[in-house]
């Protein structure tokens, strides 16, 4: 997914990977659209994620969570979801 994001293949947007925001690090962030993409593995802590998403929302960001297996198996679908979210 990073290859597509860093080449600006998603609507020409600029993305950063592993970008610090507050006390945490976002997997991917598009600062101009205030959109964060989090790729969640099987062992993610949903309660912690909810608290983090609430903090990010209060900071003006939207968070899009995608499952790691979706990125691995259905990357084109994930990229289309990112496009439609932007």
Foldseek 3Di string as FASTA:
>chain_A
DVVCQCVCVQVNFHKDAQPDDDPGTFRIARVVQLETEHEDEPPDDVVVVVVVQVVSVVVVHHYHYDYNVCCVPPVVVVSVVVNVVD
